[in-house]
Amino acid sequence: PGGSLRLSCVVSGIIFNIYAMGWYRQAAGKQRELVAVITSGGNT
């Protein structure tokens, strides 16, 4: 607790810059939830 991590997601097969991207998480026994979004224009 209190520590840090940096996650990466490498995307291939699309024109990446035109897409909005999201990070999701799914805890054991729980539904998947959206935690962060970045638009193609860089808004979060």
PDB file of all heavy atoms in Angstrom:
ATOM      1  N   PRO A   1       0.826  -1.211   0.000  1.00  0.00           N
ATOM      2  CA  PRO A   1       0.000   0.000   0.000  1.00  0.00           C
ATOM      3  C   PRO A   1       0.856   1.254   0.000  1.00  0.00           C
ATOM      4  O   PRO A   1       1.868   1.339   0.694  1.00  0.00           O
ATOM      5  CB  PRO A   1      -0.812  -0.135   1.286  1.00  0.00           C
ATOM      6  CG  PRO A   1      -0.891  -1.611   1.509  1.00  0.00           C
ATOM      7  CD  PRO A   1       0.431  -2.159   1.043  1.00  0.00           C
ATOM      8  N   GLY A   2       0.430   2.228  -0.796  1.00  0.00           N
ATOM      9  CA  GLY A   2       1.184   3.449  -0.959  1.00  0.00           C
ATOM     10  C   GLY A   2       2.186   3.418  -2.090  1.00  0.00           C
ATOM     11  O   GLY A   2       2.743   4.469  -2.442  1.00  0.00           O
ATOM     12  N   GLY A   3       2.407   2.262  -2.674  1.00  0.00           N
ATOM     13  CA  GLY A   3       3.354   2.123  -3.753  1.00  0.00           C
ATOM     14  C   GLY A   3       2.804   2.581  -5.086  1.00  0.00           C
ATOM     15  O   GLY A   3       1.657   3.017  -5.196  1.00  0.00           O
ATOM     16  N   SER A   4       3.639   2.452  -6.120  1.00  0.00           N
ATOM     17  CA  SER A   4       3.292   2.910  -7.457  1.00  0.00           C
ATOM     18  C   SER A   4       3.602   1.847  -8.493  1.00  0.00           C
ATOM     19  O   SER A   4       4.520   1.034  -8.324  1.00  0.00           O
ATOM     20  CB  SER A   4       4.076   4.177  -7.817  1.00  0.00           C
ATOM     21  OG  SER A   4       3.743   5.257  -6.970  1.00  0.00           O
ATOM     22  N   LEU A   5       2.833   1.879  -9.569  1.00  0.00           N
ATOM     23  CA  LEU A   5       3.075   1.059 -10.746  1.00  0.00           C
ATOM     24  C   LEU A   5       2.722   1.872 -11.975  1.00  0.00           C
ATOM     25  O   LEU A   5       1.872   2.755 -11.920  1.00  0.00           O
ATOM     26  CB  LEU A   5       2.246  -0.219 -10.740  1.00  0.00           C
ATOM     27  CG  LEU A   5       2.631  -1.332  -9.776  1.00  0.00           C
ATOM     28  CD1 LEU A   5       1.538  -2.395  -9.760  1.00  0.00           C
ATOM     29  CD2 LEU A   5       3.969  -1.948 -10.164  1.00  0.00           C
ATOM     30  N   ARG A   6       3.356   1.550 -13.082  1.00  0.00           N
ATOM     31  CA  ARG A   6       3.043   2.165 -14.365  1.00  0.00           C
ATOM     32  C   ARG A   6       2.684   1.062 -15.350  1.00  0.00           C
ATOM     33  O   ARG A   6       3.534   0.245 -15.705  1.00  0.00           O
ATOM     34  CB  ARG A   6       4.217   2.976 -14.893  1.00  0.00           C
ATOM     35  CG  ARG A   6       3.912   3.774 -16.166  1.00  0.00           C
ATOM     36  CD  ARG A   6       5.177   4.407 -16.687  1.00  0.00           C
ATOM     37  NE  ARG A   6       4.970   5.290 -17.817  1.00  0.00           N
ATOM     38  CZ  ARG A   6       5.707   5.275 -18.918  1.00  0.00           C
ATOM     39  NH1 ARG A   6       6.705   4.413 -19.044  1.00  0.00           N
ATOM     40  NH2 ARG A   6       5.457   6.138 -19.887  1.00  0.00           N
ATOM     41  N   LEU A   7       1.444   1.041 -15.784  1.00  0.00           N
ATOM     42  CA  LEU A   7       0.970   0.058 -16.733  1.00  0.00           C
ATOM     43  C   LEU A   7       1.088   0.583 -18.152  1.00  0.00           C
ATOM     44  O   LEU A   7       0.946   1.781 -18.390  1.00  0.00           O
ATOM     45  CB  LEU A   7      -0.488  -0.307 -16.452  1.00  0.00           C
ATOM     46  CG  LEU A   7      -0.848  -0.699 -15.019  1.00  0.00           C
ATOM     47  CD1 LEU A   7      -2.316  -1.109 -14.950  1.00  0.00           C
ATOM     48  CD2 LEU A   7       0.054  -1.807 -14.514  1.00  0.00           C
ATOM     49  N   SER A   8       1.325  -0.314 -19.088  1.00  0.00           N
ATOM     50  CA  SER A   8       1.396   0.026 -20.496  1.00  0.00           C
ATOM     51  C   SER A   8       0.447  -0.856 -21.285  1.00  0.00           C
ATOM     52  O   SER A   8       0.221  -2.019 -20.936  1.00  0.00           O
ATOM     53  CB  SER A   8       2.815  -0.166 -21.042  1.00  0.00           C
ATOM     54  OG  SER A   8       3.739   0.672 -20.393  1.00  0.00           O
ATOM     55  N   CYS A   9      -0.101  -0.308 -22.342  1.00  0.00           N
ATOM     56  CA  CYS A   9      -0.938  -1.051 -23.276  1.00  0.00           C
ATOM     57  C   CYS A   9      -0.484  -0.693 -24.679  1.00  0.00           C
ATOM     58  O   CYS A   9      -0.625   0.463 -25.101  1.00  0.00           O
ATOM     59  CB  CYS A   9      -2.410  -0.704 -23.074  1.00  0.00           C
ATOM     60  SG  CYS A   9      -3.519  -1.317 -24.365  1.00  0.00           S
ATOM     61  N   VAL A  10       0.062  -1.663 -25.382  1.00  0.00           N
ATOM     62  CA  VAL A  10       0.513  -1.471 -26.750  1.00  0.00           C
ATOM     63  C   VAL A  10      -0.566  -1.975 -27.691  1.00  0.00           C
ATOM     64  O   VAL A  10      -1.039  -3.107 -27.562  1.00  0.00           O
ATOM     65  CB  VAL A  10       1.844  -2.197 -27.008  1.00  0.00           C
ATOM     66  CG1 VAL A  10       2.276  -2.007 -28.458  1.00  0.00           C
ATOM     67  CG2 VAL A  10       2.920  -1.688 -26.059  1.00  0.00           C
ATOM     68  N   VAL A  11      -0.942  -1.132 -28.633  1.00  0.00           N
ATOM     69  CA  VAL A  11      -2.041  -1.407 -29.549  1.00  0.00           C
ATOM     70  C   VAL A  11      -1.501  -1.578 -30.954  1.00  0.00           C
ATOM     71  O   VAL A  11      -0.654  -0.797 -31.405  1.00  0.00           O
ATOM     72  CB  VAL A  11      -3.081  -0.274 -29.523  1.00  0.00           C
ATOM     73  CG1 VAL A  11      -4.275  -0.614 -30.403  1.00  0.00           C
ATOM     74  CG2 VAL A  11      -3.526   0.010 -28.096  1.00  0.00           C
ATOM     75  N   SER A  12      -1.993  -2.575 -31.667  1.00  0.00           N
ATOM     76  CA  SER A  12      -1.632  -2.762 -33.060  1.00  0.00           C
ATOM     77  C   SER A  12      -2.875  -3.127 -33.863  1.00  0.00           C
ATOM     78  O   SER A  12      -3.890  -3.550 -33.307  1.00  0.00           O
ATOM     79  CB  SER A  12      -0.552  -3.832 -33.223  1.00  0.00           C
ATOM     80  OG  SER A  12      -1.001  -5.090 -32.739  1.00  0.00           O
ATOM     81  N   GLY A  13      -2.796  -2.935 -35.166  1.00  0.00           N
ATOM     82  CA  GLY A  13      -3.876  -3.303 -36.054  1.00  0.00           C
ATOM     83  C   GLY A  13      -4.883  -2.203 -36.330  1.00  0.00           C
ATOM     84  O   GLY A  13      -5.877  -2.448 -37.020  1.00  0.00           O
ATOM     85  N   ILE A  14      -4.655  -1.000 -35.816  1.00  0.00           N
ATOM     86  CA  ILE A  14      -5.557   0.127 -36.022  1.00  0.00           C
ATOM     87  C   ILE A  14      -4.761   1.399 -36.239  1.00  0.00           C
ATOM     88  O   ILE A  14      -3.558   1.441 -35.996  1.00  0.00           O
ATOM     89  CB  ILE A  14      -6.514   0.336 -34.828  1.00  0.00           C
ATOM     90  CG1 ILE A  14      -5.710   0.616 -33.558  1.00  0.00           C
ATOM     91  CG2 ILE A  14      -7.457  -0.838 -34.646  1.00  0.00           C
ATOM     92  CD1 ILE A  14      -6.493   1.283 -32.467  1.00  0.00           C
ATOM     93  N   ILE A  15      -5.451   2.421 -36.694  1.00  0.00           N
ATOM     94  CA  ILE A  15      -4.864   3.758 -36.728  1.00  0.00           C
ATOM     95  C   ILE A  15      -5.051   4.333 -35.333  1.00  0.00           C
ATOM     96  O   ILE A  15      -6.077   4.917 -34.997  1.00  0.00           O
ATOM     97  CB  ILE A  15      -5.532   4.628 -37.804  1.00  0.00           C
ATOM     98  CG1 ILE A  15      -5.472   3.932 -39.168  1.00  0.00           C
ATOM     99  CG2 ILE A  15      -4.871   5.999 -37.869  1.00  0.00           C
ATOM    100  CD1 ILE A  15      -6.281   4.619 -40.251  1.00  0.00           C
ATOM    101  N   PHE A  16      -4.048   4.184 -34.506  1.00  0.00           N
ATOM    102  CA  PHE A  16      -4.166   4.379 -33.068  1.00  0.00           C
ATOM    103  C   PHE A  16      -4.611   5.782 -32.693  1.00  0.00           C
ATOM    104  O   PHE A  16      -5.450   5.962 -31.792  1.00  0.00           O
ATOM    105  CB  PHE A  16      -2.822   4.040 -32.405  1.00  0.00           C
ATOM    106  CG  PHE A  16      -2.777   4.300 -30.932  1.00  0.00           C
ATOM    107  CD1 PHE A  16      -3.369   3.424 -30.043  1.00  0.00           C
ATOM    108  CD2 PHE A  16      -2.129   5.421 -30.426  1.00  0.00           C
ATOM    109  CE1 PHE A  16      -3.327   3.653 -28.682  1.00  0.00           C
ATOM    110  CE2 PHE A  16      -2.072   5.660 -29.073  1.00  0.00           C
ATOM    111  CZ  PHE A  16      -2.674   4.770 -28.197  1.00  0.00           C
ATOM    112  N   ASN A  17      -4.064   6.789 -33.349  1.00  0.00           N
ATOM    113  CA  ASN A  17      -4.250   8.162 -32.896  1.00  0.00           C
ATOM    114  C   ASN A  17      -5.683   8.664 -32.987  1.00  0.00           C
ATOM    115  O   ASN A  17      -6.022   9.663 -32.346  1.00  0.00           O
ATOM    116  CB  ASN A  17      -3.319   9.116 -33.658  1.00  0.00           C
ATOM    117  CG  ASN A  17      -3.614   9.146 -35.138  1.00  0.00           C
ATOM    118  OD1 ASN A  17      -3.388   8.174 -35.851  1.00  0.00           O
ATOM    119  ND2 ASN A  17      -4.123  10.276 -35.613  1.00  0.00           N
ATOM    120  N   ILE A  18      -6.544   8.012 -33.743  1.00  0.00           N
ATOM    121  CA  ILE A  18      -7.915   8.480 -33.886  1.00  0.00           C
ATOM    122  C   ILE A  18      -8.862   7.877 -32.853  1.00  0.00           C
ATOM    123  O   ILE A  18     -10.039   8.248 -32.813  1.00  0.00           O
ATOM    124  CB  ILE A  18      -8.464   8.204 -35.298  1.00  0.00           C
ATOM    125  CG1 ILE A  18      -8.647   6.710 -35.540  1.00  0.00           C
ATOM    126  CG2 ILE A  18      -7.548   8.823 -36.350  1.00  0.00           C
ATOM    127  CD1 ILE A  18      -9.373   6.397 -36.843  1.00  0.00           C
ATOM    128  N   TYR A  19      -8.377   6.985 -32.001  1.00  0.00           N
ATOM    129  CA  TYR A  19      -9.226   6.296 -31.042  1.00  0.00           C
ATOM    130  C   TYR A  19      -9.073   6.850 -29.642  1.00  0.00           C
ATOM    131  O   TYR A  19      -7.975   7.223 -29.214  1.00  0.00           O
ATOM    132  CB  TYR A  19      -8.897   4.800 -31.018  1.00  0.00           C
ATOM    133  CG  TYR A  19      -9.431   4.048 -32.202  1.00  0.00           C
ATOM    134  CD1 TYR A  19      -8.688   3.925 -33.365  1.00  0.00           C
ATOM    135  CD2 TYR A  19     -10.694   3.464 -32.153  1.00  0.00           C
ATOM    136  CE1 TYR A  19      -9.187   3.238 -34.459  1.00  0.00           C
ATOM    137  CE2 TYR A  19     -11.193   2.780 -33.240  1.00  0.00           C
ATOM    138  CZ  TYR A  19     -10.437   2.671 -34.390  1.00  0.00           C
ATOM    139  OH  TYR A  19     -10.935   1.976 -35.474  1.00  0.00           O
ATOM    140  N   ALA A  20     -10.189   6.878 -28.929  1.00  0.00           N
ATOM    141  CA  ALA A  20     -10.151   7.056 -27.488  1.00  0.00           C
ATOM    142  C   ALA A  20      -9.759   5.739 -26.837  1.00  0.00           C
ATOM    143  O   ALA A  20     -10.109   4.665 -27.335  1.00  0.00           O
ATOM    144  CB  ALA A  20     -11.513   7.515 -26.969  1.00  0.00           C
ATOM    145  N   MET A  21      -9.034   5.817 -25.725  1.00  0.00           N
ATOM    146  CA  MET A  21      -8.555   4.634 -25.019  1.00  0.00           C
ATOM    147  C   MET A  21      -9.044   4.649 -23.583  1.00  0.00           C
ATOM    148  O   MET A  21      -9.184   5.707 -22.973  1.00  0.00           O
ATOM    149  CB  MET A  21      -7.029   4.575 -25.029  1.00  0.00           C
ATOM    150  CG  MET A  21      -6.401   4.481 -26.403  1.00  0.00           C
ATOM    151  SD  MET A  21      -6.787   2.918 -27.256  1.00  0.00           S
ATOM    152  CE  MET A  21      -6.167   1.709 -26.084  1.00  0.00           C
ATOM    153  N   GLY A  22      -9.277   3.468 -23.065  1.00  0.00           N
ATOM    154  CA  GLY A  22      -9.696   3.342 -21.677  1.00  0.00           C
ATOM    155  C   GLY A  22      -8.927   2.262 -20.957  1.00  0.00           C
ATOM    156  O   GLY A  22      -8.469   1.289 -21.566  1.00  0.00           O
ATOM    157  N   TRP A  23      -8.771   2.448 -19.651  1.00  0.00           N
ATOM    158  CA  TRP A  23      -8.269   1.425 -18.749  1.00  0.00           C
ATOM    159  C   TRP A  23      -9.419   0.928 -17.886  1.00  0.00           C
ATOM    160  O   TRP A  23     -10.201   1.733 -17.355  1.00  0.00           O
ATOM    161  CB  TRP A  23      -7.147   1.949 -17.860  1.00  0.00           C
ATOM    162  CG  TRP A  23      -5.799   1.987 -18.522  1.00  0.00           C
ATOM    163  CD1 TRP A  23      -5.176   3.068 -19.052  1.00  0.00           C
ATOM    164  CD2 TRP A  23      -4.909   0.876 -18.689  1.00  0.00           C
ATOM    165  NE1 TRP A  23      -3.942   2.707 -19.551  1.00  0.00           N
ATOM    166  CE2 TRP A  23      -3.755   1.374 -19.342  1.00  0.00           C
ATOM    167  CE3 TRP A  23      -4.966  -0.476 -18.358  1.00  0.00           C
ATOM    168  CZ2 TRP A  23      -2.673   0.558 -19.670  1.00  0.00           C
ATOM    169  CZ3 TRP A  23      -3.889  -1.283 -18.689  1.00  0.00           C
ATOM    170  CH2 TRP A  23      -2.768  -0.765 -19.330  1.00  0.00           C
ATOM    171  N   TYR A  24      -9.481  -0.378 -17.743  1.00  0.00           N
ATOM    172  CA  TYR A  24     -10.505  -1.045 -16.952  1.00  0.00           C
ATOM    173  C   TYR A  24      -9.842  -1.942 -15.926  1.00  0.00           C
ATOM    174  O   TYR A  24      -8.687  -2.331 -16.077  1.00  0.00           O
ATOM    175  CB  TYR A  24     -11.403  -1.918 -17.837  1.00  0.00           C
ATOM    176  CG  TYR A  24     -12.076  -1.193 -18.976  1.00  0.00           C
ATOM    177  CD1 TYR A  24     -11.354  -0.808 -20.094  1.00  0.00           C
ATOM    178  CD2 TYR A  24     -13.440  -0.918 -18.932  1.00  0.00           C
ATOM    179  CE1 TYR A  24     -11.967  -0.157 -21.151  1.00  0.00           C
ATOM    180  CE2 TYR A  24     -14.063  -0.270 -19.979  1.00  0.00           C
ATOM    181  CZ  TYR A  24     -13.322   0.106 -21.085  1.00  0.00           C
ATOM    182  OH  TYR A  24     -13.943   0.748 -22.125  1.00  0.00           O
ATOM    183  N   ARG A  25     -10.585  -2.294 -14.906  1.00  0.00           N
ATOM    184  CA  ARG A  25     -10.087  -3.294 -13.964  1.00  0.00           C
ATOM    185  C   ARG A  25     -11.221  -4.213 -13.546  1.00  0.00           C
ATOM    186  O   ARG A  25     -12.391  -3.833 -13.558  1.00  0.00           O
ATOM    187  CB  ARG A  25      -9.439  -2.648 -12.744  1.00  0.00           C
ATOM    188  CG  ARG A  25     -10.381  -1.864 -11.854  1.00  0.00           C
ATOM    189  CD  ARG A  25      -9.581  -1.145 -10.780  1.00  0.00           C
ATOM    190  NE  ARG A  25     -10.438  -0.399  -9.868  1.00  0.00           N
ATOM    191  CZ  ARG A  25      -9.971   0.435  -8.949  1.00  0.00           C
ATOM    192  NH1 ARG A  25      -8.661   0.622  -8.819  1.00  0.00           N
ATOM    193  NH2 ARG A  25     -10.824   1.076  -8.153  1.00  0.00           N
ATOM    194  N   GLN A  26     -10.842  -5.418 -13.197  1.00  0.00           N
ATOM    195  CA  GLN A  26     -11.807  -6.400 -12.742  1.00  0.00           C
ATOM    196  C   GLN A  26     -11.213  -7.140 -11.556  1.00  0.00           C
ATOM    197  O   GLN A  26     -10.268  -7.923 -11.712  1.00  0.00           O
ATOM    198  CB  GLN A  26     -12.178  -7.376 -13.856  1.00  0.00           C
ATOM    199  CG  GLN A  26     -13.304  -8.318 -13.477  1.00  0.00           C
ATOM    200  CD  GLN A  26     -13.835  -9.087 -14.667  1.00  0.00           C
ATOM    201  OE1 GLN A  26     -13.104  -9.370 -15.616  1.00  0.00           O
ATOM    202  NE2 GLN A  26     -15.111  -9.426 -14.619  1.00  0.00           N
ATOM    203  N   ALA A  27     -11.768  -6.886 -10.390  1.00  0.00           N
ATOM    204  CA  ALA A  27     -11.359  -7.586  -9.186  1.00  0.00           C
ATOM    205  C   ALA A  27     -12.049  -8.939  -9.132  1.00  0.00           C
ATOM    206  O   ALA A  27     -13.095  -9.158  -9.749  1.00  0.00           O
ATOM    207  CB  ALA A  27     -11.699  -6.759  -7.948  1.00  0.00           C
ATOM    208  N   ALA A  28     -11.466  -9.844  -8.368  1.00  0.00           N
ATOM    209  CA  ALA A  28     -12.020 -11.186  -8.244  1.00  0.00           C
ATOM    210  C   ALA A  28     -13.457 -11.129  -7.759  1.00  0.00           C
ATOM    211  O   ALA A  28     -13.762 -10.482  -6.752  1.00  0.00           O
ATOM    212  CB  ALA A  28     -11.171 -12.010  -7.281  1.00  0.00           C
ATOM    213  N   GLY A  29     -14.339 -11.779  -8.488  1.00  0.00           N
ATOM    214  CA  GLY A  29     -15.735 -11.823  -8.118  1.00  0.00           C
ATOM    215  C   GLY A  29     -16.517 -10.568  -8.418  1.00  0.00           C
ATOM    216  O   GLY A  29     -17.700 -10.489  -8.068  1.00  0.00           O
ATOM    217  N   LYS A  30     -15.906  -9.582  -9.055  1.00  0.00           N
ATOM    218  CA  LYS A  30     -16.556  -8.310  -9.343  1.00  0.00           C
ATOM    219  C   LYS A  30     -16.695  -8.095 -10.844  1.00  0.00           C
ATOM    220  O   LYS A  30     -16.045  -8.761 -11.649  1.00  0.00           O
ATOM    221  CB  LYS A  30     -15.769  -7.148  -8.736  1.00  0.00           C
ATOM    222  CG  LYS A  30     -15.518  -7.257  -7.240  1.00  0.00           C
ATOM    223  CD  LYS A  30     -16.791  -7.058  -6.446  1.00  0.00           C
ATOM    224  CE  LYS A  30     -16.503  -7.082  -4.950  1.00  0.00           C
ATOM    225  NZ  LYS A  30     -15.623  -5.956  -4.537  1.00  0.00           N
ATOM    226  N   GLN A  31     -17.543  -7.150 -11.209  1.00  0.00           N
ATOM    227  CA  GLN A  31     -17.695  -6.780 -12.605  1.00  0.00           C
ATOM    228  C   GLN A  31     -16.542  -5.887 -13.050  1.00  0.00           C
ATOM    229  O   GLN A  31     -15.916  -5.196 -12.246  1.00  0.00           O
ATOM    230  CB  GLN A  31     -19.017  -6.047 -12.822  1.00  0.00           C
ATOM    231  CG  GLN A  31     -20.249  -6.887 -12.583  1.00  0.00           C
ATOM    232  CD  GLN A  31     -21.496  -6.170 -13.019  1.00  0.00           C
ATOM    233  OE1 GLN A  31     -21.794  -6.110 -14.221  1.00  0.00           O
ATOM    234  NE2 GLN A  31     -22.217  -5.619 -12.069  1.00  0.00           N
ATOM    235  N   ARG A  32     -16.270  -5.917 -14.332  1.00  0.00           N
ATOM    236  CA  ARG A  32     -15.265  -5.043 -14.901  1.00  0.00           C
ATOM    237  C   ARG A  32     -15.736  -3.594 -14.823  1.00  0.00           C
ATOM    238  O   ARG A  32     -16.891  -3.292 -15.119  1.00  0.00           O
ATOM    239  CB  ARG A  32     -15.000  -5.422 -16.352  1.00  0.00           C
ATOM    240  CG  ARG A  32     -13.701  -4.899 -16.915  1.00  0.00           C
ATOM    241  CD  ARG A  32     -13.595  -5.202 -18.407  1.00  0.00           C
ATOM    242  NE  ARG A  32     -13.778  -6.615 -18.709  1.00  0.00           N
ATOM    243  CZ  ARG A  32     -12.791  -7.486 -18.844  1.00  0.00           C
ATOM    244  NH1 ARG A  32     -11.524  -7.104 -18.694  1.00  0.00           N
ATOM    245  NH2 ARG A  32     -13.063  -8.754 -19.129  1.00  0.00           N
ATOM    246  N   GLU A  33     -14.841  -2.693 -14.424  1.00  0.00           N
ATOM    247  CA  GLU A  33     -15.197  -1.293 -14.314  1.00  0.00           C
ATOM    248  C   GLU A  33     -14.193  -0.416 -15.055  1.00  0.00           C
ATOM    249  O   GLU A  33     -12.995  -0.695 -15.068  1.00  0.00           O
ATOM    250  CB  GLU A  33     -15.288  -0.847 -12.848  1.00  0.00           C
ATOM    251  CG  GLU A  33     -13.980  -0.906 -12.083  1.00  0.00           C
ATOM    252  CD  GLU A  33     -14.051  -0.233 -10.719  1.00  0.00           C
ATOM    253  OE1 GLU A  33     -14.909   0.654 -10.523  1.00  0.00           O
ATOM    254  OE2 GLU A  33     -13.235  -0.598  -9.851  1.00  0.00           O
ATOM    255  N   LEU A  34     -14.700   0.639 -15.640  1.00  0.00           N
ATOM    256  CA  LEU A  34     -13.871   1.619 -16.328  1.00  0.00           C
ATOM    257  C   LEU A  34     -13.267   2.561 -15.303  1.00  0.00           C
ATOM    258  O   LEU A  34     -13.990   3.149 -14.495  1.00  0.00           O
ATOM    259  CB  LEU A  34     -14.721   2.390 -17.335  1.00  0.00           C
ATOM    260  CG  LEU A  34     -14.055   3.502 -18.130  1.00  0.00           C
ATOM    261  CD1 LEU A  34     -12.989   2.941 -19.063  1.00  0.00           C
ATOM    262  CD2 LEU A  34     -15.116   4.274 -18.920  1.00  0.00           C
ATOM    263  N   VAL A  35     -11.950   2.732 -15.331  1.00  0.00           N
ATOM    264  CA  VAL A  35     -11.296   3.590 -14.346  1.00  0.00           C
ATOM    265  C   VAL A  35     -10.720   4.860 -14.935  1.00  0.00           C
ATOM    266  O   VAL A  35     -10.569   5.850 -14.218  1.00  0.00           O
ATOM    267  CB  VAL A  35     -10.209   2.830 -13.558  1.00  0.00           C
ATOM    268  CG1 VAL A  35     -10.816   1.657 -12.805  1.00  0.00           C
ATOM    269  CG2 VAL A  35      -9.088   2.352 -14.461  1.00  0.00           C
ATOM    270  N   ALA A  36     -10.384   4.880 -16.219  1.00  0.00           N
ATOM    271  CA  ALA A  36      -9.783   6.067 -16.813  1.00  0.00           C
ATOM    272  C   ALA A  36      -9.978   6.052 -18.313  1.00  0.00           C
ATOM    273  O   ALA A  36      -9.965   4.995 -18.941  1.00  0.00           O
ATOM    274  CB  ALA A  36      -8.297   6.166 -16.478  1.00  0.00           C
ATOM    275  N   VAL A  37     -10.128   7.237 -18.888  1.00  0.00           N
ATOM    276  CA  VAL A  37     -10.314   7.425 -20.324  1.00  0.00           C
ATOM    277  C   VAL A  37      -9.394   8.533 -20.798  1.00  0.00           C
ATOM    278  O   VAL A  37      -9.211   9.540 -20.103  1.00  0.00           O
ATOM    279  CB  VAL A  37     -11.776   7.792 -20.652  1.00  0.00           C
ATOM    280  CG1 VAL A  37     -11.909   8.340 -22.074  1.00  0.00           C
ATOM    281  CG2 VAL A  37     -12.688   6.601 -20.456  1.00  0.00           C
ATOM    282  N   ILE A  38      -8.825   8.359 -21.970  1.00  0.00           N
ATOM    283  CA  ILE A  38      -8.158   9.457 -22.659  1.00  0.00           C
ATOM    284  C   ILE A  38      -8.688   9.506 -24.081  1.00  0.00           C
ATOM    285  O   ILE A  38      -8.734   8.501 -24.783  1.00  0.00           O
ATOM    286  CB  ILE A  38      -6.621   9.329 -22.612  1.00  0.00           C
ATOM    287  CG1 ILE A  38      -5.964  10.575 -23.223  1.00  0.00           C
ATOM    288  CG2 ILE A  38      -6.128   8.054 -23.277  1.00  0.00           C
ATOM    289  CD1 ILE A  38      -4.487  10.714 -22.866  1.00  0.00           C
ATOM    290  N   THR A  39      -9.124  10.685 -24.501  1.00  0.00           N
ATOM    291  CA  THR A  39      -9.685  10.849 -25.831  1.00  0.00           C
ATOM    292  C   THR A  39      -8.575  10.951 -26.866  1.00  0.00           C
ATOM    293  O   THR A  39      -7.393  11.063 -26.540  1.00  0.00           O
ATOM    294  CB  THR A  39     -10.571  12.097 -25.900  1.00  0.00           C
ATOM    295  OG1 THR A  39      -9.744  13.269 -25.831  1.00  0.00           O
ATOM    296  CG2 THR A  39     -11.587  12.123 -24.767  1.00  0.00           C
ATOM    297  N   SER A  40      -8.973  10.920 -28.128  1.00  0.00           N
ATOM    298  CA  SER A  40      -7.996  11.091 -29.194  1.00  0.00           C
ATOM    299  C   SER A  40      -7.303  12.448 -29.111  1.00  0.00           C
ATOM    300  O   SER A  40      -6.164  12.587 -29.559  1.00  0.00           O
ATOM    301  CB  SER A  40      -8.660  10.929 -30.557  1.00  0.00           C
ATOM    302  OG  SER A  40      -9.679  11.891 -30.751  1.00  0.00           O
ATOM    303  N   GLY A  41      -7.984  13.433 -28.540  1.00  0.00           N
ATOM    304  CA  GLY A  41      -7.411  14.752 -28.366  1.00  0.00           C
ATOM    305  C   GLY A  41      -6.636  14.946 -27.085  1.00  0.00           C
ATOM    306  O   GLY A  41      -6.102  16.037 -26.853  1.00  0.00           O
ATOM    307  N   GLY A  42      -6.575  13.920 -26.229  1.00  0.00           N
ATOM    308  CA  GLY A  42      -5.787  13.998 -25.016  1.00  0.00           C
ATOM    309  C   GLY A  42      -6.546  14.405 -23.766  1.00  0.00           C
ATOM    310  O   GLY A  42      -5.930  14.551 -22.704  1.00  0.00           O
ATOM    311  N   ASN A  43      -7.841  14.596 -23.858  1.00  0.00           N
ATOM    312  CA  ASN A  43      -8.631  14.881 -22.665  1.00  0.00           C
ATOM    313  C   ASN A  43      -8.807  13.618 -21.840  1.00  0.00           C
ATOM    314  O   ASN A  43      -8.874  12.516 -22.387  1.00  0.00           O
ATOM    315  CB  ASN A  43      -9.981  15.460 -23.042  1.00  0.00           C
ATOM    316  CG  ASN A  43      -9.861  16.800 -23.725  1.00  0.00           C
ATOM    317  OD1 ASN A  43      -9.133  17.675 -23.273  1.00  0.00           O
ATOM    318  ND2 ASN A  43     -10.582  16.977 -24.827  1.00  0.00           N
ATOM    319  N   THR A  44      -8.914  13.765 -20.526  1.00  0.00           N
ATOM    320  CA  THR A  44      -8.971  12.616 -19.631  1.00  0.00           C
ATOM    321  C   THR A  44     -10.187  12.663 -18.729  1.00  0.00           C
ATOM    322  O   THR A  44     -10.681  13.736 -18.370  1.00  0.00           O
ATOM    323  CB  THR A  44      -7.704  12.523 -18.768  1.00  0.00           C
ATOM    324  OG1 THR A  44      -7.552  13.727 -18.011  1.00  0.00           O
ATOM    325  CG2 THR A  44      -6.480  12.317 -19.643  1.00  0.00           C
TER     326      THR A  44
END
